[in-house]
Amino acid sequence: MLHKTQSNDPKTLRVQKNGRSSSSNSYNSYSTAPVKSLSEVKNPSLLISFRFVNRGVTRLDEIEKFRNLTELDVTGNLLQQEVPEL
């Protein structure tokens, strides 16, 4: 189950799944260029933590492909609907 928490900043939303944090043996993906849309992420199902901040997005239409996330940070976006359950 994903847990969504709102900070004092109304644009901040952090999602954590089952209270687990990422471990040192988890898959990490780093890019030199910022990701502009979720469709640009290669192998999203391998990620357990993902930061998609200050992109100005209003929807997370492809977030269901990130099915193994335990943490999602979408701070600074303009989301107009709830983040769906993964």
Protein backbone atom coordinates (compact mmCIF):
# COMPACT_ATOMS: atom_id res chain seq x y z
CA MET A 1 0.00 0.00 0.00
CA LEU A 2 1.27 3.49 -0.84
CA HIS A 3 1.20 6.09 1.90
CA LYS A 4 0.79 9.67 0.73
CA THR A 5 1.83 12.52 2.98
CA GLN A 6 1.48 16.22 2.38
CA SER A 7 4.07 18.61 3.83
CA ASN A 8 3.49 22.21 4.86
CA ASP A 9 3.97 23.12 1.20
CA PRO A 10 0.67 22.33 -0.60
CA LYS A 11 2.62 21.44 -3.75
CA THR A 12 4.64 18.75 -1.96
CA LEU A 13 3.50 15.15 -2.08
CA ARG A 14 5.64 12.23 -0.98
CA VAL A 15 4.45 8.67 -1.37
CA GLN A 16 5.89 5.76 0.58
CA LYS A 17 4.89 2.12 0.15
CA ASN A 18 4.51 -0.10 3.25
CA GLY A 19 6.84 2.13 5.26
CA ARG A 20 9.87 0.64 3.46
CA SER A 21 12.85 2.65 2.42
CA SER A 22 15.21 1.87 -0.40
CA SER A 23 18.18 -0.39 0.30
CA SER A 24 21.75 -0.22 -0.94
CA ASN A 25 21.23 -3.20 -3.26
CA SER A 26 18.34 -1.58 -5.10
CA TYR A 27 18.40 -0.59 -8.75
CA ASN A 28 19.22 3.05 -9.32
CA SER A 29 18.95 4.91 -12.59
CA TYR A 30 20.73 8.21 -13.09
CA SER A 31 20.60 10.41 -16.13
CA THR A 32 22.61 13.46 -17.10
CA ALA A 33 19.55 15.07 -18.68
CA PRO A 34 16.38 15.84 -16.71
CA VAL A 35 13.37 13.66 -17.44
CA LYS A 36 10.59 15.77 -18.90
CA SER A 37 7.90 13.09 -18.94
CA LEU A 38 7.37 9.70 -17.33
CA SER A 39 7.46 8.04 -20.75
CA GLU A 40 11.19 8.91 -21.01
CA VAL A 41 12.12 6.66 -18.06
CA LYS A 42 13.60 3.36 -19.18
CA ASN A 43 12.62 0.26 -17.18
CA PRO A 44 10.34 2.10 -14.72
CA SER A 45 9.29 -1.16 -13.06
CA LEU A 46 12.86 -1.59 -11.77
CA LEU A 47 12.77 1.61 -9.73
CA ILE A 48 11.83 1.63 -6.06
CA SER A 49 12.39 5.35 -5.48
CA PHE A 50 11.71 8.14 -7.97
CA ARG A 51 11.94 11.94 -7.83
CA PHE A 52 9.96 13.83 -10.46
CA VAL A 53 10.08 17.35 -9.04
CA ASN A 54 9.36 20.82 -10.41
CA ARG A 55 8.26 19.60 -13.84
CA GLY A 56 4.97 21.51 -13.93
CA VAL A 57 2.97 18.39 -14.74
CA THR A 58 -0.73 18.22 -13.95
CA ARG A 59 -1.19 14.44 -14.38
CA LEU A 60 0.86 11.29 -13.84
CA ASP A 61 -0.74 9.25 -16.62
CA GLU A 62 2.05 6.66 -16.90
CA ILE A 63 2.79 6.17 -13.20
CA GLU A 64 1.26 2.66 -13.27
CA LYS A 65 4.41 1.47 -15.09
CA PHE A 66 6.39 2.26 -11.90
CA ARG A 67 4.76 -0.64 -10.07
CA ASN A 68 7.62 -1.37 -7.62
CA LEU A 69 7.96 2.13 -6.19
CA THR A 70 8.17 2.43 -2.44
CA GLU A 71 8.81 6.17 -2.57
CA LEU A 72 7.63 8.81 -5.03
CA ASP A 73 8.44 12.52 -4.78
CA VAL A 74 6.42 14.83 -7.06
CA THR A 75 7.17 18.05 -5.21
CA GLY A 76 6.55 21.30 -7.08
CA ASN A 77 4.20 19.94 -9.72
CA LEU A 78 0.67 21.12 -10.46
CA LEU A 79 -1.17 17.81 -9.97
CA GLN A 80 -4.92 18.11 -10.42
CA GLN A 81 -5.82 14.58 -9.29
CA GLU A 82 -4.76 12.00 -6.73
CA VAL A 83 -1.78 9.79 -7.48
CA PRO A 84 -3.30 6.38 -8.34
CA GLU A 85 -2.53 3.27 -6.29
CA LEU A 86 0.29 1.21 -7.80
